[in-house]
């Protein structure tokens, strides 16, 4: 397949048009939806705060995560968190009642 001189499979012209209609629909109704955007901004804020706090105070990290280079370690750690784990971690660091 990789050695083939051109594409071995592709969408028909009709499906290319249908695919474009679907892309526009998703962009307007889903990707740019204010609720989705709001959640995206919240997620960015939470991850930024976690990254900044752990960068400023690495002793709050579990010992196995206190290694160099810290920014890369933090990036890998935060990227591996589920939404629920990130929210729980944020709550542990910033909610004075927990």
N, C-alpha and C. Protein backbone atom coordinates (compact mmCIF):
# COMPACT_ATOMS: atom_id res chain seq x y z
N UNK A 1 0.83 -1.18 0.00
CA UNK A 1 0.00 0.00 0.00
C UNK A 1 0.88 1.25 0.00
N UNK A 2 1.93 1.24 0.79
CA UNK A 2 2.80 2.42 0.86
C UNK A 2 3.53 2.66 -0.45
N UNK A 3 3.76 1.63 -1.21
CA UNK A 3 4.49 1.78 -2.47
C UNK A 3 3.55 2.13 -3.63
N UNK A 4 2.26 2.15 -3.39
CA UNK A 4 1.30 2.46 -4.46
C UNK A 4 1.55 3.88 -4.98
N UNK A 5 1.36 4.10 -6.27
CA UNK A 5 1.65 5.41 -6.85
C UNK A 5 0.66 6.51 -6.43
N UNK A 6 -0.48 6.17 -5.97
CA UNK A 6 -1.47 7.16 -5.55
C UNK A 6 -2.28 6.63 -4.39
N UNK A 7 -3.38 7.28 -4.13
CA UNK A 7 -4.25 6.81 -3.05
C UNK A 7 -4.93 5.52 -3.48
N UNK A 8 -5.03 4.61 -2.53
CA UNK A 8 -5.69 3.34 -2.84
C UNK A 8 -7.17 3.38 -2.50
N UNK A 9 -7.56 4.34 -1.70
CA UNK A 9 -8.97 4.52 -1.35
C UNK A 9 -9.19 5.99 -1.03
N UNK A 10 -10.34 6.51 -1.44
CA UNK A 10 -10.68 7.89 -1.10
C UNK A 10 -12.18 8.07 -1.19
N UNK A 11 -12.66 9.15 -0.63
CA UNK A 11 -14.09 9.44 -0.64
C UNK A 11 -14.54 9.85 -2.04
N UNK A 12 -15.78 9.52 -2.36
CA UNK A 12 -16.36 9.98 -3.62
C UNK A 12 -16.59 11.49 -3.52
N UNK A 13 -16.80 12.14 -4.65
CA UNK A 13 -17.07 13.58 -4.63
C UNK A 13 -18.30 13.90 -3.79
N UNK A 14 -19.32 13.05 -3.90
CA UNK A 14 -20.53 13.26 -3.12
C UNK A 14 -20.23 13.19 -1.62
N UNK A 15 -19.41 12.21 -1.21
CA UNK A 15 -19.08 12.06 0.20
C UNK A 15 -18.15 13.18 0.68
N UNK A 16 -17.30 13.71 -0.19
CA UNK A 16 -16.46 14.84 0.18
C UNK A 16 -17.36 16.01 0.56
N UNK A 17 -18.41 16.24 -0.24
CA UNK A 17 -19.36 17.31 0.07
C UNK A 17 -20.11 17.06 1.36
N UNK A 18 -20.56 15.81 1.56
CA UNK A 18 -21.27 15.46 2.79
C UNK A 18 -20.36 15.62 4.01
N UNK A 19 -19.11 15.25 3.84
CA UNK A 19 -18.14 15.36 4.93
C UNK A 19 -17.94 16.83 5.30
N UNK A 20 -17.91 17.71 4.31
CA UNK A 20 -17.76 19.14 4.57
C UNK A 20 -18.97 19.69 5.32
N UNK A 21 -20.15 19.25 4.95
CA UNK A 21 -21.37 19.67 5.66
C UNK A 21 -21.28 19.23 7.13
N UNK A 22 -20.85 18.00 7.35
CA UNK A 22 -20.71 17.50 8.71
C UNK A 22 -19.67 18.29 9.49
N UNK A 23 -18.55 18.60 8.87
CA UNK A 23 -17.51 19.38 9.55
C UNK A 23 -18.02 20.76 9.99
N UNK A 24 -18.75 21.42 9.09
CA UNK A 24 -19.30 22.73 9.42
C UNK A 24 -20.31 22.63 10.56
N UNK A 25 -21.16 21.62 10.49
CA UNK A 25 -22.16 21.41 11.55
C UNK A 25 -21.47 21.21 12.90
N UNK A 26 -20.48 20.34 12.94
CA UNK A 26 -19.77 20.07 14.20
C UNK A 26 -19.05 21.31 14.71
N UNK A 27 -18.45 22.07 13.80
CA UNK A 27 -17.75 23.28 14.22
C UNK A 27 -18.71 24.27 14.85
N UNK A 28 -19.87 24.46 14.25
CA UNK A 28 -20.84 25.43 14.76
C UNK A 28 -21.56 24.95 16.00
N UNK A 29 -21.99 23.71 16.01
CA UNK A 29 -22.86 23.23 17.08
C UNK A 29 -22.14 22.54 18.22
N UNK A 30 -20.92 22.10 17.98
CA UNK A 30 -20.23 21.36 19.03
C UNK A 30 -18.92 22.03 19.43
N UNK A 31 -17.97 22.12 18.51
CA UNK A 31 -16.64 22.61 18.86
C UNK A 31 -16.67 24.06 19.33
N UNK A 32 -17.55 24.86 18.77
CA UNK A 32 -17.63 26.27 19.17
C UNK A 32 -18.80 26.55 20.09
N UNK A 33 -19.42 25.53 20.60
CA UNK A 33 -20.53 25.71 21.53
C UNK A 33 -20.02 26.38 22.80
N UNK A 34 -20.75 27.33 23.31
CA UNK A 34 -20.28 28.08 24.48
C UNK A 34 -20.07 27.19 25.71
N UNK A 35 -20.87 26.16 25.85
CA UNK A 35 -20.69 25.27 27.00
C UNK A 35 -19.40 24.45 26.89
N UNK A 36 -19.12 23.98 25.69
CA UNK A 36 -17.89 23.23 25.46
C UNK A 36 -16.69 24.14 25.66
N UNK A 37 -16.79 25.36 25.11
CA UNK A 37 -15.69 26.32 25.26
C UNK A 37 -15.46 26.65 26.72
N UNK A 38 -16.53 26.86 27.46
CA UNK A 38 -16.43 27.18 28.89
C UNK A 38 -15.70 26.06 29.64
N UNK A 39 -16.05 24.82 29.36
CA UNK A 39 -15.38 23.69 30.01
C UNK A 39 -13.91 23.61 29.62
N UNK A 40 -13.63 23.92 28.37
CA UNK A 40 -12.24 23.91 27.90
C UNK A 40 -11.40 24.95 28.64
N UNK A 41 -11.96 26.13 28.82
CA UNK A 41 -11.25 27.19 29.55
C UNK A 41 -11.04 26.78 31.01
N UNK A 42 -12.04 26.17 31.62
CA UNK A 42 -11.89 25.70 33.00
C UNK A 42 -10.77 24.66 33.10
N UNK A 43 -10.76 23.73 32.16
CA UNK A 43 -9.73 22.68 32.18
C UNK A 43 -8.34 23.29 32.03
N UNK A 44 -8.21 24.26 31.14
CA UNK A 44 -6.91 24.93 30.96
C UNK A 44 -6.48 25.63 32.25
N UNK A 45 -7.43 26.29 32.90
CA UNK A 45 -7.13 27.01 34.13
C UNK A 45 -6.69 26.03 35.23
N UNK A 46 -7.40 24.93 35.36
CA UNK A 46 -7.07 23.94 36.39
C UNK A 46 -5.68 23.35 36.14
N UNK A 47 -5.40 22.95 34.91
CA UNK A 47 -4.09 22.37 34.61
C UNK A 47 -2.97 23.39 34.77
N UNK A 48 -3.23 24.63 34.39
CA UNK A 48 -2.22 25.68 34.56
C UNK A 48 -1.91 25.91 36.03
N UNK A 49 -2.96 25.93 36.85
CA UNK A 49 -2.76 26.13 38.28
C UNK A 49 -2.01 24.96 38.90
N UNK A 50 -2.34 23.76 38.50
CA UNK A 50 -1.61 22.59 39.02
C UNK A 50 -0.15 22.66 38.61
N UNK A 51 0.11 22.95 37.35
CA UNK A 51 1.48 23.02 36.86
C UNK A 51 2.26 24.11 37.61
N UNK A 52 1.68 25.29 37.74
CA UNK A 52 2.37 26.40 38.40
C UNK A 52 2.64 26.10 39.86
N UNK A 53 1.65 25.55 40.55
CA UNK A 53 1.82 25.25 41.97
C UNK A 53 2.90 24.18 42.19
N UNK A 54 2.87 23.14 41.38
CA UNK A 54 3.88 22.10 41.53
C UNK A 54 5.26 22.60 41.11
N UNK A 55 5.31 23.51 40.17
CA UNK A 55 6.60 24.10 39.78
C UNK A 55 7.16 24.94 40.92
N UNK A 56 6.30 25.72 41.56
CA UNK A 56 6.73 26.59 42.66
C UNK A 56 7.00 25.84 43.95
N UNK A 57 6.26 24.76 44.17
CA UNK A 57 6.37 23.99 45.41
C UNK A 57 6.45 22.48 45.11
N UNK A 58 7.55 22.03 44.52
CA UNK A 58 7.65 20.62 44.11
C UNK A 58 7.59 19.63 45.27
N UNK A 59 7.79 20.10 46.49
CA UNK A 59 7.70 19.19 47.64
C UNK A 59 6.28 18.69 47.86
N UNK A 60 5.30 19.30 47.21
CA UNK A 60 3.91 18.81 47.31
C UNK A 60 3.68 17.59 46.42
N UNK A 61 4.61 17.34 45.53
CA UNK A 61 4.50 16.17 44.65
C UNK A 61 4.89 14.90 45.39
N UNK A 62 4.32 13.78 44.99
CA UNK A 62 4.81 12.50 45.54
C UNK A 62 6.30 12.36 45.22
N UNK A 63 7.06 11.73 46.10
CA UNK A 63 8.51 11.64 45.92
C UNK A 63 8.95 11.09 44.56
N UNK A 64 8.23 10.12 44.00
CA UNK A 64 8.66 9.54 42.73
C UNK A 64 8.52 10.52 41.55
N UNK A 65 7.85 11.65 41.77
CA UNK A 65 7.70 12.63 40.71
C UNK A 65 8.63 13.84 40.85
N UNK A 66 9.44 13.84 41.88
CA UNK A 66 10.36 14.96 42.11
C UNK A 66 11.69 14.69 41.41
N UNK A 67 11.65 14.76 40.10
CA UNK A 67 12.88 14.50 39.34
C UNK A 67 13.03 15.54 38.24
N UNK A 68 14.21 15.62 37.74
CA UNK A 68 14.53 16.61 36.69
C UNK A 68 14.43 15.96 35.32
N UNK A 69 14.10 16.68 34.30
CA UNK A 69 13.68 18.07 34.33
C UNK A 69 12.23 18.16 34.81
N UNK A 70 12.01 18.99 35.81
CA UNK A 70 10.69 19.08 36.44
C UNK A 70 9.58 19.48 35.47
N UNK A 71 9.78 20.47 34.60
CA UNK A 71 8.68 20.81 33.68
C UNK A 71 8.21 19.62 32.83
N UNK A 72 9.13 18.83 32.36
CA UNK A 72 8.76 17.66 31.55
C UNK A 72 8.05 16.62 32.41
N UNK A 73 8.56 16.41 33.62
CA UNK A 73 7.93 15.46 34.54
C UNK A 73 6.49 15.89 34.85
N UNK A 74 6.31 17.18 35.12
CA UNK A 74 4.97 17.68 35.41
C UNK A 74 4.05 17.54 34.20
N UNK A 75 4.57 17.87 33.03
CA UNK A 75 3.76 17.73 31.82
C UNK A 75 3.29 16.31 31.63
N UNK A 76 4.19 15.36 31.80
CA UNK A 76 3.83 13.95 31.65
C UNK A 76 2.82 13.52 32.72
N UNK A 77 3.05 13.98 33.94
CA UNK A 77 2.15 13.62 35.05
C UNK A 77 0.74 14.18 34.80
N UNK A 78 0.66 15.45 34.48
CA UNK A 78 -0.65 16.08 34.27
C UNK A 78 -1.35 15.51 33.04
N UNK A 79 -0.61 15.20 32.01
CA UNK A 79 -1.21 14.63 30.80
C UNK A 79 -1.81 13.26 31.07
N UNK A 80 -1.28 12.57 32.06
CA UNK A 80 -1.77 11.24 32.37
C UNK A 80 -2.97 11.21 33.31
N UNK A 81 -3.34 12.36 33.86
CA UNK A 81 -4.47 12.40 34.78
C UNK A 81 -5.79 12.35 34.01
N UNK A 82 -6.75 11.65 34.57
CA UNK A 82 -8.10 11.72 34.03
C UNK A 82 -8.71 13.04 34.49
N UNK A 83 -9.84 13.40 33.91
CA UNK A 83 -10.53 14.61 34.35
C UNK A 83 -10.84 14.55 35.84
N UNK A 84 -11.36 13.43 36.27
CA UNK A 84 -11.73 13.25 37.68
C UNK A 84 -10.49 13.37 38.59
N UNK A 85 -9.37 12.78 38.18
CA UNK A 85 -8.15 12.87 38.99
C UNK A 85 -7.62 14.30 39.06
N UNK A 86 -7.67 15.00 37.92
CA UNK A 86 -7.20 16.39 37.90
C UNK A 86 -8.06 17.27 38.81
N UNK A 87 -9.36 17.07 38.77
CA UNK A 87 -10.25 17.85 39.64
C UNK A 87 -10.00 17.53 41.11
N UNK A 88 -9.80 16.28 41.42
CA UNK A 88 -9.52 15.89 42.80
C UNK A 88 -8.20 16.47 43.27
N UNK A 89 -7.19 16.44 42.43
CA UNK A 89 -5.88 17.00 42.77
C UNK A 89 -5.99 18.51 42.99
N UNK A 90 -6.72 19.17 42.12
CA UNK A 90 -6.92 20.61 42.26
C UNK A 90 -7.64 20.92 43.57
N UNK A 91 -8.65 20.15 43.88
CA UNK A 91 -9.39 20.33 45.13
C UNK A 91 -8.46 20.14 46.34
N UNK A 92 -7.62 19.12 46.31
CA UNK A 92 -6.69 18.87 47.43
C UNK A 92 -5.73 20.04 47.64
N UNK A 93 -5.32 20.66 46.54
CA UNK A 93 -4.35 21.75 46.66
C UNK A 93 -4.98 23.10 46.99
N UNK A 94 -6.19 23.34 46.51
CA UNK A 94 -6.75 24.68 46.61
C UNK A 94 -7.98 24.82 47.50
N UNK A 95 -8.65 23.74 47.83
CA UNK A 95 -9.84 23.84 48.68
C UNK A 95 -9.40 23.73 50.13
N UNK A 96 -9.59 24.79 50.92
CA UNK A 96 -9.13 24.76 52.31
C UNK A 96 -9.90 23.77 53.19
N UNK A 97 -11.00 23.26 52.69
CA UNK A 97 -11.81 22.33 53.49
C UNK A 97 -11.43 20.87 53.26
N UNK A 98 -10.48 20.61 52.37
CA UNK A 98 -10.09 19.21 52.15
C UNK A 98 -8.70 18.95 52.65
